[in-house]
């Protein structure tokens, strides 16, 4: 039969998860967890749009995105690295600003990034 998926050899994928999230979330109300994730992922989505990075999915506190598909991008690795830098910088700003509303230790959350 025919292949189940297309092959995209010129791509770079990023996995970004929030270091310290599980412990932080266990001490918060669900609405506070929602505010944090919605704010962070909203900022990441804006960076993805601006950089032409395709958001694949979010799984819990992990944001998965890729450059080089569905539209080819010869600079896919550099694009994802720039996107990662944008996300790390946004994460620092957002957690610092949300600490008043979401409580202590919010600014201690960090972004752990894997690029493949």
PDB file of N, CA and C in Angstrom:
ATOM      1  N   UNK A   1       0.809  -1.183   0.000  1.00  0.00           N
ATOM      2  CA  UNK A   1       0.000   0.000   0.000  1.00  0.00           C
ATOM      3  C   UNK A   1       0.861   1.259   0.000  1.00  0.00           C
ATOM      4  N   UNK A   2       0.191   2.357   0.129  1.00  0.00           N
ATOM      5  CA  UNK A   2       0.869   3.663   0.140  1.00  0.00           C
ATOM      6  C   UNK A   2       1.356   4.002   1.541  1.00  0.00           C
ATOM      7  N   UNK A   3       2.372   4.872   1.623  1.00  0.00           N
ATOM      8  CA  UNK A   3       2.903   5.229   2.939  1.00  0.00           C
ATOM      9  C   UNK A   3       1.854   5.955   3.790  1.00  0.00           C
ATOM     10  N   UNK A   4       1.975   5.776   5.103  1.00  0.00           N
ATOM     11  CA  UNK A   4       1.044   6.409   6.037  1.00  0.00           C
ATOM     12  C   UNK A   4       1.368   7.876   6.280  1.00  0.00           C
ATOM     13  N   UNK A   5       2.609   8.270   6.015  1.00  0.00           N
ATOM     14  CA  UNK A   5       3.025   9.647   6.282  1.00  0.00           C
ATOM     15  C   UNK A   5       4.067  10.078   5.252  1.00  0.00           C
ATOM     16  N   UNK A   6       4.191  11.358   5.077  1.00  0.00           N
ATOM     17  CA  UNK A   6       5.234  11.899   4.217  1.00  0.00           C
ATOM     18  C   UNK A   6       6.534  12.011   5.006  1.00  0.00           C
ATOM     19  N   UNK A   7       7.646  11.959   4.313  1.00  0.00           N
ATOM     20  CA  UNK A   7       8.963  12.108   4.927  1.00  0.00           C
ATOM     21  C   UNK A   7       9.427  13.550   4.772  1.00  0.00           C
ATOM     22  N   UNK A   8       9.834  14.167   5.873  1.00  0.00           N
ATOM     23  CA  UNK A   8      10.360  15.530   5.882  1.00  0.00           C
ATOM     24  C   UNK A   8      11.759  15.496   6.511  1.00  0.00           C
ATOM     25  N   UNK A   9      12.798  15.224   5.703  1.00  0.00           N
ATOM     26  CA  UNK A   9      14.140  15.063   6.271  1.00  0.00           C
ATOM     27  C   UNK A   9      14.773  16.367   6.760  1.00  0.00           C
ATOM     28  N   UNK A  10      14.332  17.504   6.266  1.00  0.00           N
ATOM     29  CA  UNK A  10      14.926  18.788   6.636  1.00  0.00           C
ATOM     30  C   UNK A  10      14.056  19.493   7.672  1.00  0.00           C
ATOM     31  N   UNK A  11      14.030  18.941   8.878  1.00  0.00           N
ATOM     32  CA  UNK A  11      13.208  19.500   9.952  1.00  0.00           C
ATOM     33  C   UNK A  11      13.983  19.497  11.260  1.00  0.00           C
ATOM     34  N   UNK A  12      13.553  20.353  12.161  1.00  0.00           N
ATOM     35  CA  UNK A  12      14.084  20.376  13.531  1.00  0.00           C
ATOM     36  C   UNK A  12      12.897  20.475  14.468  1.00  0.00           C
ATOM     37  N   UNK A  13      12.898  19.650  15.506  1.00  0.00           N
ATOM     38  CA  UNK A  13      11.799  19.622  16.466  1.00  0.00           C
ATOM     39  C   UNK A  13      12.290  20.111  17.823  1.00  0.00           C
ATOM     40  N   UNK A  14      11.400  20.785  18.536  1.00  0.00           N
ATOM     41  CA  UNK A  14      11.721  21.277  19.873  1.00  0.00           C
ATOM     42  C   UNK A  14      10.700  20.733  20.868  1.00  0.00           C
ATOM     43  N   UNK A  15      11.220  20.295  21.995  1.00  0.00           N
ATOM     44  CA  UNK A  15      10.400  19.907  23.140  1.00  0.00           C
ATOM     45  C   UNK A  15      10.770  20.878  24.254  1.00  0.00           C
ATOM     46  N   UNK A  16       9.787  21.599  24.778  1.00  0.00           N
ATOM     47  CA  UNK A  16      10.049  22.562  25.848  1.00  0.00           C
ATOM     48  C   UNK A  16       9.108  22.259  27.006  1.00  0.00           C
ATOM     49  N   UNK A  17       9.674  21.874  28.138  1.00  0.00           N
ATOM     50  CA  UNK A  17       8.812  21.629  29.292  1.00  0.00           C
ATOM     51  C   UNK A  17       9.236  22.495  30.458  1.00  0.00           C
ATOM     52  N   UNK A  18       8.303  22.671  31.373  1.00  0.00           N
ATOM     53  CA  UNK A  18       8.497  23.584  32.501  1.00  0.00           C
ATOM     54  C   UNK A  18       9.122  22.820  33.653  1.00  0.00           C
ATOM     55  N   UNK A  19      10.374  23.133  33.940  1.00  0.00           N
ATOM     56  CA  UNK A  19      11.090  22.495  35.046  1.00  0.00           C
ATOM     57  C   UNK A  19      10.516  23.000  36.368  1.00  0.00           C
ATOM     58  N   UNK A  20      10.132  22.072  37.223  1.00  0.00           N
ATOM     59  CA  UNK A  20       9.548  22.415  38.518  1.00  0.00           C
ATOM     60  C   UNK A  20       8.035  22.500  38.488  1.00  0.00           C
ATOM     61  N   UNK A  21       7.433  22.222  37.335  1.00  0.00           N
ATOM     62  CA  UNK A  21       5.989  22.400  37.177  1.00  0.00           C
ATOM     63  C   UNK A  21       5.170  21.465  38.067  1.00  0.00           C
ATOM     64  N   UNK A  22       5.539  20.193  38.139  1.00  0.00           N
ATOM     65  CA  UNK A  22       4.729  19.231  38.892  1.00  0.00           C
ATOM     66  C   UNK A  22       4.615  19.629  40.358  1.00  0.00           C
ATOM     67  N   UNK A  23       5.726  19.960  40.978  1.00  0.00           N
ATOM     68  CA  UNK A  23       5.695  20.377  42.387  1.00  0.00           C
ATOM     69  C   UNK A  23       4.943  21.692  42.535  1.00  0.00           C
ATOM     70  N   UNK A  24       5.191  22.639  41.636  1.00  0.00           N
ATOM     71  CA  UNK A  24       4.508  23.933  41.688  1.00  0.00           C
ATOM     72  C   UNK A  24       3.003  23.740  41.559  1.00  0.00           C
ATOM     73  N   UNK A  25       2.566  22.968  40.573  1.00  0.00           N
ATOM     74  CA  UNK A  25       1.140  22.776  40.308  1.00  0.00           C
ATOM     75  C   UNK A  25       0.432  22.040  41.441  1.00  0.00           C
ATOM     76  N   UNK A  26       1.149  21.147  42.126  1.00  0.00           N
ATOM     77  CA  UNK A  26       0.520  20.381  43.213  1.00  0.00           C
ATOM     78  C   UNK A  26       0.146  21.265  44.397  1.00  0.00           C
ATOM     79  N   UNK A  27       0.736  22.462  44.463  1.00  0.00           N
ATOM     80  CA  UNK A  27       0.434  23.390  45.560  1.00  0.00           C
ATOM     81  C   UNK A  27      -0.493  24.525  45.108  1.00  0.00           C
ATOM     82  N   UNK A  28      -1.118  24.393  43.938  1.00  0.00           N
ATOM     83  CA  UNK A  28      -1.956  25.455  43.380  1.00  0.00           C
ATOM     84  C   UNK A  28      -3.357  24.954  43.077  1.00  0.00           C
ATOM     85  N   UNK A  29      -4.264  25.902  42.969  1.00  0.00           N
ATOM     86  CA  UNK A  29      -5.622  25.610  42.526  1.00  0.00           C
ATOM     87  C   UNK A  29      -5.597  25.375  41.009  1.00  0.00           C
ATOM     88  N   UNK A  30      -6.523  24.580  40.483  1.00  0.00           N
ATOM     89  CA  UNK A  30      -6.564  24.344  39.033  1.00  0.00           C
ATOM     90  C   UNK A  30      -6.630  25.634  38.215  1.00  0.00           C
ATOM     91  N   UNK A  31      -7.358  26.633  38.688  1.00  0.00           N
ATOM     92  CA  UNK A  31      -7.455  27.899  37.939  1.00  0.00           C
ATOM     93  C   UNK A  31      -6.094  28.583  37.833  1.00  0.00           C
ATOM     94  N   UNK A  32      -5.272  28.477  38.856  1.00  0.00           N
ATOM     95  CA  UNK A  32      -3.942  29.078  38.812  1.00  0.00           C
ATOM     96  C   UNK A  32      -3.047  28.346  37.806  1.00  0.00           C
ATOM     97  N   UNK A  33      -3.150  27.031  37.767  1.00  0.00           N
ATOM     98  CA  UNK A  33      -2.379  26.242  36.809  1.00  0.00           C
ATOM     99  C   UNK A  33      -2.799  26.623  35.391  1.00  0.00           C
ATOM    100  N   UNK A  34      -4.103  26.759  35.183  1.00  0.00           N
ATOM    101  CA  UNK A  34      -4.620  27.146  33.872  1.00  0.00           C
ATOM    102  C   UNK A  34      -4.091  28.515  33.444  1.00  0.00           C
ATOM    103  N   UNK A  35      -4.111  29.470  34.361  1.00  0.00           N
ATOM    104  CA  UNK A  35      -3.610  30.823  34.044  1.00  0.00           C
ATOM    105  C   UNK A  35      -2.151  30.756  33.613  1.00  0.00           C
ATOM    106  N   UNK A  36      -1.352  30.027  34.359  1.00  0.00           N
ATOM    107  CA  UNK A  36       0.073  29.916  34.018  1.00  0.00           C
ATOM    108  C   UNK A  36       0.264  29.319  32.625  1.00  0.00           C
ATOM    109  N   UNK A  37      -0.349  28.155  32.394  1.00  0.00           N
ATOM    110  CA  UNK A  37      -0.146  27.468  31.111  1.00  0.00           C
ATOM    111  C   UNK A  37      -0.715  28.272  29.951  1.00  0.00           C
ATOM    112  N   UNK A  38      -1.881  28.860  30.126  1.00  0.00           N
ATOM    113  CA  UNK A  38      -2.487  29.651  29.050  1.00  0.00           C
ATOM    114  C   UNK A  38      -1.613  30.858  28.700  1.00  0.00           C
ATOM    115  N   UNK A  39      -1.051  31.503  29.707  1.00  0.00           N
ATOM    116  CA  UNK A  39      -0.211  32.671  29.477  1.00  0.00           C
ATOM    117  C   UNK A  39       1.092  32.288  28.781  1.00  0.00           C
ATOM    118  N   UNK A  40       1.731  31.256  29.288  1.00  0.00           N
ATOM    119  CA  UNK A  40       3.004  30.810  28.702  1.00  0.00           C
ATOM    120  C   UNK A  40       2.794  30.308  27.280  1.00  0.00           C
ATOM    121  N   UNK A  41       1.830  29.408  27.094  1.00  0.00           N
ATOM    122  CA  UNK A  41       1.626  28.833  25.763  1.00  0.00           C
ATOM    123  C   UNK A  41       1.092  29.857  24.778  1.00  0.00           C
ATOM    124  N   UNK A  42       0.341  30.838  25.250  1.00  0.00           N
ATOM    125  CA  UNK A  42      -0.100  31.925  24.369  1.00  0.00           C
ATOM    126  C   UNK A  42       1.086  32.707  23.833  1.00  0.00           C
ATOM    127  N   UNK A  43       2.060  32.982  24.709  1.00  0.00           N
ATOM    128  CA  UNK A  43       3.280  33.686  24.275  1.00  0.00           C
ATOM    129  C   UNK A  43       4.079  32.819  23.301  1.00  0.00           C
ATOM    130  N   UNK A  44       4.200  31.518  23.592  1.00  0.00           N
ATOM    131  CA  UNK A  44       4.939  30.620  22.709  1.00  0.00           C
ATOM    132  C   UNK A  44       4.265  30.553  21.337  1.00  0.00           C
ATOM    133  N   UNK A  45       2.933  30.512  21.330  1.00  0.00           N
ATOM    134  CA  UNK A  45       2.195  30.467  20.062  1.00  0.00           C
ATOM    135  C   UNK A  45       2.482  31.713  19.218  1.00  0.00           C
ATOM    136  N   UNK A  46       2.577  32.867  19.851  1.00  0.00           N
ATOM    137  CA  UNK A  46       2.886  34.102  19.120  1.00  0.00           C
ATOM    138  C   UNK A  46       4.295  34.045  18.531  1.00  0.00           C
ATOM    139  N   UNK A  47       5.240  33.535  19.310  1.00  0.00           N
ATOM    140  CA  UNK A  47       6.607  33.379  18.797  1.00  0.00           C
ATOM    141  C   UNK A  47       6.622  32.384  17.626  1.00  0.00           C
ATOM    142  N   UNK A  48       5.875  31.298  17.766  1.00  0.00           N
ATOM    143  CA  UNK A  48       5.829  30.283  16.707  1.00  0.00           C
ATOM    144  C   UNK A  48       5.277  30.886  15.416  1.00  0.00           C
ATOM    145  N   UNK A  49       4.227  31.655  15.537  1.00  0.00           N
ATOM    146  CA  UNK A  49       3.638  32.282  14.348  1.00  0.00           C
ATOM    147  C   UNK A  49       4.646  33.229  13.690  1.00  0.00           C
ATOM    148  N   UNK A  50       5.289  34.045  14.511  1.00  0.00           N
ATOM    149  CA  UNK A  50       6.237  35.036  13.994  1.00  0.00           C
ATOM    150  C   UNK A  50       7.449  34.370  13.330  1.00  0.00           C
ATOM    151  N   UNK A  51       7.870  33.240  13.843  1.00  0.00           N
ATOM    152  CA  UNK A  51       9.065  32.540  13.328  1.00  0.00           C
ATOM    153  C   UNK A  51       8.728  31.464  12.293  1.00  0.00           C
ATOM    154  N   UNK A  52       7.444  31.292  11.977  1.00  0.00           N
ATOM    155  CA  UNK A  52       7.006  30.224  11.062  1.00  0.00           C
ATOM    156  C   UNK A  52       7.394  28.845  11.588  1.00  0.00           C
ATOM    157  N   UNK A  53       7.167  28.649  12.876  1.00  0.00           N
ATOM    158  CA  UNK A  53       7.365  27.362  13.532  1.00  0.00           C
ATOM    159  C   UNK A  53       5.978  26.752  13.719  1.00  0.00           C
ATOM    160  N   UNK A  54       5.848  25.465  13.431  1.00  0.00           N
ATOM    161  CA  UNK A  54       4.560  24.784  13.507  1.00  0.00           C
ATOM    162  C   UNK A  54       4.410  24.117  14.873  1.00  0.00           C
ATOM    163  N   UNK A  55       3.389  24.520  15.618  1.00  0.00           N
ATOM    164  CA  UNK A  55       3.103  23.888  16.904  1.00  0.00           C
ATOM    165  C   UNK A  55       2.450  22.539  16.640  1.00  0.00           C
ATOM    166  N   UNK A  56       3.071  21.483  17.147  1.00  0.00           N
ATOM    167  CA  UNK A  56       2.549  20.137  16.967  1.00  0.00           C
ATOM    168  C   UNK A  56       1.485  19.855  18.010  1.00  0.00           C
ATOM    169  N   UNK A  57       1.828  20.083  19.294  1.00  0.00           N
ATOM    170  CA  UNK A  57       0.897  19.839  20.388  1.00  0.00           C
ATOM    171  C   UNK A  57       1.486  20.323  21.706  1.00  0.00           C
ATOM    172  N   UNK A  58       0.630  20.363  22.703  1.00  0.00           N
ATOM    173  CA  UNK A  58       1.090  20.503  24.082  1.00  0.00           C
ATOM    174  C   UNK A  58       0.587  19.267  24.820  1.00  0.00           C
ATOM    175  N   UNK A  59       1.463  18.704  25.623  1.00  0.00           N
ATOM    176  CA  UNK A  59       1.113  17.549  26.435  1.00  0.00           C
ATOM    177  C   UNK A  59       1.462  17.920  27.866  1.00  0.00           C
ATOM    178  N   UNK A  60       0.448  18.233  28.660  1.00  0.00           N
ATOM    179  CA  UNK A  60       0.703  18.691  30.017  1.00  0.00           C
ATOM    180  C   UNK A  60       1.518  19.968  29.967  1.00  0.00           C
ATOM    181  N   UNK A  61       2.708  19.928  30.537  1.00  0.00           N
ATOM    182  CA  UNK A  61       3.562  21.127  30.553  1.00  0.00           C
ATOM    183  C   UNK A  61       4.640  21.065  29.477  1.00  0.00           C
ATOM    184  N   UNK A  62       4.470  20.211  28.467  1.00  0.00           N
ATOM    185  CA  UNK A  62       5.445  20.100  27.380  1.00  0.00           C
ATOM    186  C   UNK A  62       4.864  20.665  26.087  1.00  0.00           C
ATOM    187  N   UNK A  63       5.601  21.599  25.493  1.00  0.00           N
ATOM    188  CA  UNK A  63       5.217  22.247  24.237  1.00  0.00           C
ATOM    189  C   UNK A  63       6.087  21.656  23.141  1.00  0.00           C
ATOM    190  N   UNK A  64       5.454  21.120  22.099  1.00  0.00           N
ATOM    191  CA  UNK A  64       6.171  20.468  21.011  1.00  0.00           C
ATOM    192  C   UNK A  64       5.919  21.248  19.723  1.00  0.00           C
ATOM    193  N   UNK A  65       6.996  21.613  19.040  1.00  0.00           N
ATOM    194  CA  UNK A  65       6.876  22.377  17.797  1.00  0.00           C
ATOM    195  C   UNK A  65       7.988  21.953  16.841  1.00  0.00           C
ATOM    196  N   UNK A  66       7.843  22.354  15.570  1.00  0.00           N
ATOM    197  CA  UNK A  66       8.791  21.930  14.546  1.00  0.00           C
ATOM    198  C   UNK A  66       8.948  23.016  13.489  1.00  0.00           C
ATOM    199  N   UNK A  67      10.145  23.115  12.937  1.00  0.00           N
ATOM    200  CA  UNK A  67      10.389  23.984  11.783  1.00  0.00           C
ATOM    201  C   UNK A  67      10.806  23.090  10.624  1.00  0.00           C
ATOM    202  N   UNK A  68      10.414  23.471   9.412  1.00  0.00           N
ATOM    203  CA  UNK A  68      10.728  22.698   8.224  1.00  0.00           C
ATOM    204  C   UNK A  68       9.537  21.928   7.695  1.00  0.00           C
ATOM    205  N   UNK A  69       8.422  21.999   8.384  1.00  0.00           N
ATOM    206  CA  UNK A  69       7.181  21.444   7.883  1.00  0.00           C
ATOM    207  C   UNK A  69       6.021  22.201   8.494  1.00  0.00           C
ATOM    208  N   UNK A  70       4.883  22.305   7.902  1.00  0.00           N
ATOM    209  CA  UNK A  70       4.558  21.729   6.607  1.00  0.00           C
ATOM    210  C   UNK A  70       5.237  22.450   5.436  1.00  0.00           C
ATOM    211  N   UNK A  71       5.774  23.636   5.680  1.00  0.00           N
ATOM    212  CA  UNK A  71       6.497  24.366   4.630  1.00  0.00           C
ATOM    213  C   UNK A  71       7.998  24.148   4.804  1.00  0.00           C
ATOM    214  N   UNK A  72       8.715  23.754   3.756  1.00  0.00           N
ATOM    215  CA  UNK A  72      10.168  23.569   3.865  1.00  0.00           C
ATOM    216  C   UNK A  72      10.870  24.866   4.301  1.00  0.00           C
ATOM    217  N   UNK A  73      11.939  24.690   5.075  1.00  0.00           N
ATOM    218  CA  UNK A  73      12.722  25.823   5.574  1.00  0.00           C
ATOM    219  C   UNK A  73      14.177  25.362   5.671  1.00  0.00           C
ATOM    220  N   UNK A  74      15.027  25.877   4.796  1.00  0.00           N
ATOM    221  CA  UNK A  74      16.440  25.461   4.794  1.00  0.00           C
ATOM    222  C   UNK A  74      17.145  25.813   6.098  1.00  0.00           C
ATOM    223  N   UNK A  75      16.674  26.849   6.790  1.00  0.00           N
ATOM    224  CA  UNK A  75      17.270  27.292   8.055  1.00  0.00           C
ATOM    225  C   UNK A  75      16.486  26.762   9.258  1.00  0.00           C
ATOM    226  N   UNK A  76      15.912  25.572   9.143  1.00  0.00           N
ATOM    227  CA  UNK A  76      15.043  25.030  10.186  1.00  0.00           C
ATOM    228  C   UNK A  76      15.716  24.962  11.554  1.00  0.00           C
ATOM    229  N   UNK A  77      16.982  24.572  11.606  1.00  0.00           N
ATOM    230  CA  UNK A  77      17.666  24.456  12.906  1.00  0.00           C
ATOM    231  C   UNK A  77      17.850  25.829  13.545  1.00  0.00           C
ATOM    232  N   UNK A  78      18.309  26.799  12.767  1.00  0.00           N
ATOM    233  CA  UNK A  78      18.487  28.155  13.303  1.00  0.00           C
ATOM    234  C   UNK A  78      17.150  28.763  13.693  1.00  0.00           C
ATOM    235  N   UNK A  79      16.118  28.486  12.931  1.00  0.00           N
ATOM    236  CA  UNK A  79      14.777  28.995  13.244  1.00  0.00           C
ATOM    237  C   UNK A  79      14.310  28.474  14.592  1.00  0.00           C
ATOM    238  N   UNK A  80      14.490  27.177  14.831  1.00  0.00           N
ATOM    239  CA  UNK A  80      14.074  26.592  16.108  1.00  0.00           C
ATOM    240  C   UNK A  80      14.921  27.134  17.250  1.00  0.00           C
ATOM    241  N   UNK A  81      16.199  27.347  17.029  1.00  0.00           N
ATOM    242  CA  UNK A  81      17.052  27.918  18.085  1.00  0.00           C
ATOM    243  C   UNK A  81      16.597  29.333  18.453  1.00  0.00           C
ATOM    244  N   UNK A  82      16.252  30.126  17.460  1.00  0.00           N
ATOM    245  CA  UNK A  82      15.743  31.479  17.735  1.00  0.00           C
ATOM    246  C   UNK A  82      14.406  31.403  18.477  1.00  0.00           C
ATOM    247  N   UNK A  83      13.556  30.487  18.053  1.00  0.00           N
ATOM    248  CA  UNK A  83      12.269  30.275  18.724  1.00  0.00           C
ATOM    249  C   UNK A  83      12.494  29.871  20.183  1.00  0.00           C
ATOM    250  N   UNK A  84      13.440  28.965  20.422  1.00  0.00           N
ATOM    251  CA  UNK A  84      13.748  28.527  21.788  1.00  0.00           C
ATOM    252  C   UNK A  84      14.206  29.701  22.646  1.00  0.00           C
ATOM    253  N   UNK A  85      15.071  30.539  22.082  1.00  0.00           N
ATOM    254  CA  UNK A  85      15.533  31.727  22.816  1.00  0.00           C
ATOM    255  C   UNK A  85      14.355  32.637  23.159  1.00  0.00           C
ATOM    256  N   UNK A  86      13.464  32.859  22.207  1.00  0.00           N
ATOM    257  CA  UNK A  86      12.272  33.673  22.463  1.00  0.00           C
ATOM    258  C   UNK A  86      11.452  33.092  23.615  1.00  0.00           C
ATOM    259  N   UNK A  87      11.272  31.774  23.586  1.00  0.00           N
ATOM    260  CA  UNK A  87      10.463  31.113  24.618  1.00  0.00           C
ATOM    261  C   UNK A  87      11.114  31.199  25.993  1.00  0.00           C
ATOM    262  N   UNK A  88      12.409  30.980  26.059  1.00  0.00           N
ATOM    263  CA  UNK A  88      13.121  31.068  27.348  1.00  0.00           C
ATOM    264  C   UNK A  88      12.999  32.480  27.916  1.00  0.00           C
ATOM    265  N   UNK A  89      13.186  33.480  27.077  1.00  0.00           N
ATOM    266  CA  UNK A  89      13.078  34.866  27.544  1.00  0.00           C
ATOM    267  C   UNK A  89      11.661  35.189  27.992  1.00  0.00           C
ATOM    268  N   UNK A  90      10.660  34.741  27.246  1.00  0.00           N
ATOM    269  CA  UNK A  90       9.264  34.975  27.627  1.00  0.00           C
ATOM    270  C   UNK A  90       8.940  34.284  28.939  1.00  0.00           C
ATOM    271  N   UNK A  91       9.429  33.067  29.089  1.00  0.00           N
ATOM    272  CA  UNK A  91       9.164  32.304  30.312  1.00  0.00           C
ATOM    273  C   UNK A  91       9.648  33.069  31.535  1.00  0.00           C
ATOM    274  N   UNK A  92      10.850  33.621  31.464  1.00  0.00           N
ATOM    275  CA  UNK A  92      11.390  34.383  32.589  1.00  0.00           C
ATOM    276  C   UNK A  92      10.519  35.598  32.899  1.00  0.00           C
ATOM    277  N   UNK A  93      10.123  36.335  31.874  1.00  0.00           N
ATOM    278  CA  UNK A  93       9.293  37.525  32.072  1.00  0.00           C
ATOM    279  C   UNK A  93       7.920  37.171  32.630  1.00  0.00           C
ATOM    280  N   UNK A  94       7.299  36.155  32.052  1.00  0.00           N
ATOM    281  CA  UNK A  94       5.942  35.770  32.458  1.00  0.00           C
ATOM    282  C   UNK A  94       5.910  35.277  33.898  1.00  0.00           C
ATOM    283  N   UNK A  95       6.829  34.392  34.250  1.00  0.00           N
ATOM    284  CA  UNK A  95       6.798  33.850  35.617  1.00  0.00           C
ATOM    285  C   UNK A  95       7.099  34.925  36.647  1.00  0.00           C
ATOM    286  N   UNK A  96       7.963  35.864  36.305  1.00  0.00           N
ATOM    287  CA  UNK A  96       8.249  36.966  37.228  1.00  0.00           C
ATOM    288  C   UNK A  96       6.993  37.839  37.415  1.00  0.00           C
ATOM    289  N   UNK A  97       6.312  38.148  36.325  1.00  0.00           N
ATOM    290  CA  UNK A  97       5.113  38.989  36.397  1.00  0.00           C
ATOM    291  C   UNK A  97       3.950  38.278  37.084  1.00  0.00           C
ATOM    292  N   UNK A  98       3.839  36.967  36.908  1.00  0.00           N
ATOM    293  CA  UNK A  98       2.718  36.227  37.491  1.00  0.00           C
ATOM    294  C   UNK A  98       2.933  35.828  38.948  1.00  0.00           C
ATOM    295  N   UNK A  99       4.137  36.039  39.465  1.00  0.00           N
ATOM    296  CA  UNK A  99       4.411  35.609  40.841  1.00  0.00           C
ATOM    297  C   UNK A  99       3.481  36.270  41.849  1.00  0.00           C
ATOM    298  N   UNK A 100       3.119  37.524  41.634  1.00  0.00           N
ATOM    299  CA  UNK A 100       2.214  38.209  42.555  1.00  0.00           C
ATOM    300  C   UNK A 100       0.854  37.515  42.576  1.00  0.00           C
ATOM    301  N   UNK A 101       0.330  37.184  41.400  1.00  0.00           N
ATOM    302  CA  UNK A 101      -0.993  36.565  41.311  1.00  0.00           C
ATOM    303  C   UNK A 101      -0.983  35.076  41.651  1.00  0.00           C
ATOM    304  N   UNK A 102       0.097  34.380  41.323  1.00  0.00           N
ATOM    305  CA  UNK A 102       0.120  32.929  41.462  1.00  0.00           C
ATOM    306  C   UNK A 102       0.946  32.419  42.629  1.00  0.00           C
ATOM    307  N   UNK A 103       1.580  33.316  43.344  1.00  0.00           N
ATOM    308  CA  UNK A 103       2.253  32.915  44.562  1.00  0.00           C
ATOM    309  C   UNK A 103       3.739  32.671  44.432  1.00  0.00           C
ATOM    310  N   UNK A 104       4.366  32.514  45.604  1.00  0.00           N
ATOM    311  CA  UNK A 104       5.808  32.322  45.663  1.00  0.00           C
ATOM    312  C   UNK A 104       6.246  31.092  44.871  1.00  0.00           C
ATOM    313  N   UNK A 105       7.449  31.138  44.433  1.00  0.00           N
ATOM    314  CA  UNK A 105       8.084  30.067  43.661  1.00  0.00           C
ATOM    315  C   UNK A 105       7.676  30.054  42.196  1.00  0.00           C
ATOM    316  N   UNK A 106       6.740  30.906  41.796  1.00  0.00           N
ATOM    317  CA  UNK A 106       6.358  30.941  40.385  1.00  0.00           C
ATOM    318  C   UNK A 106       7.544  31.386  39.536  1.00  0.00           C
ATOM    319  N   UNK A 107       8.284  32.368  40.013  1.00  0.00           N
ATOM    320  CA  UNK A 107       9.432  32.843  39.227  1.00  0.00           C
ATOM    321  C   UNK A 107      10.597  31.852  39.250  1.00  0.00           C
ATOM    322  N   UNK A 108      10.521  30.831  40.102  1.00  0.00           N
ATOM    323  CA  UNK A 108      11.568  29.808  40.138  1.00  0.00           C
ATOM    324  C   UNK A 108      11.373  28.760  39.037  1.00  0.00           C
ATOM    325  N   UNK A 109      10.198  28.745  38.412  1.00  0.00           N
ATOM    326  CA  UNK A 109       9.971  27.820  37.303  1.00  0.00           C
ATOM    327  C   UNK A 109      10.908  28.165  36.155  1.00  0.00           C
ATOM    328  N   UNK A 110      11.350  27.159  35.446  1.00  0.00           N
ATOM    329  CA  UNK A 110      12.301  27.368  34.364  1.00  0.00           C
ATOM    330  C   UNK A 110      11.854  26.557  33.158  1.00  0.00           C
ATOM    331  N   UNK A 111      12.402  26.878  32.004  1.00  0.00           N
ATOM    332  CA  UNK A 111      12.074  26.153  30.789  1.00  0.00           C
ATOM    333  C   UNK A 111      13.236  25.250  30.412  1.00  0.00           C
ATOM    334  N   UNK A 112      12.925  23.956  30.260  1.00  0.00           N
ATOM    335  CA  UNK A 112      13.918  22.961  29.838  1.00  0.00           C
ATOM    336  C   UNK A 112      13.634  22.671  28.365  1.00  0.00           C
ATOM    337  N   UNK A 113      14.643  22.817  27.519  1.00  0.00           N
ATOM    338  CA  UNK A 113      14.443  22.716  26.064  1.00  0.00           C
ATOM    339  C   UNK A 113      15.316  21.615  25.484  1.00  0.00           C
ATOM    340  N   UNK A 114      14.700  20.794  24.647  1.00  0.00           N
ATOM    341  CA  UNK A 114      15.429  19.792  23.865  1.00  0.00           C
ATOM    342  C   UNK A 114      15.188  20.053  22.397  1.00  0.00           C
ATOM    343  N   UNK A 115      16.256  20.092  21.619  1.00  0.00           N
ATOM    344  CA  UNK A 115      16.144  20.352  20.186  1.00  0.00           C
ATOM    345  C   UNK A 115      16.770  19.181  19.442  1.00  0.00           C
ATOM    346  N   UNK A 116      16.027  18.639  18.491  1.00  0.00           N
ATOM    347  CA  UNK A 116      16.489  17.459  17.749  1.00  0.00           C
ATOM    348  C   UNK A 116      16.289  17.646  16.258  1.00  0.00           C
TER     349      UNK A 116
END
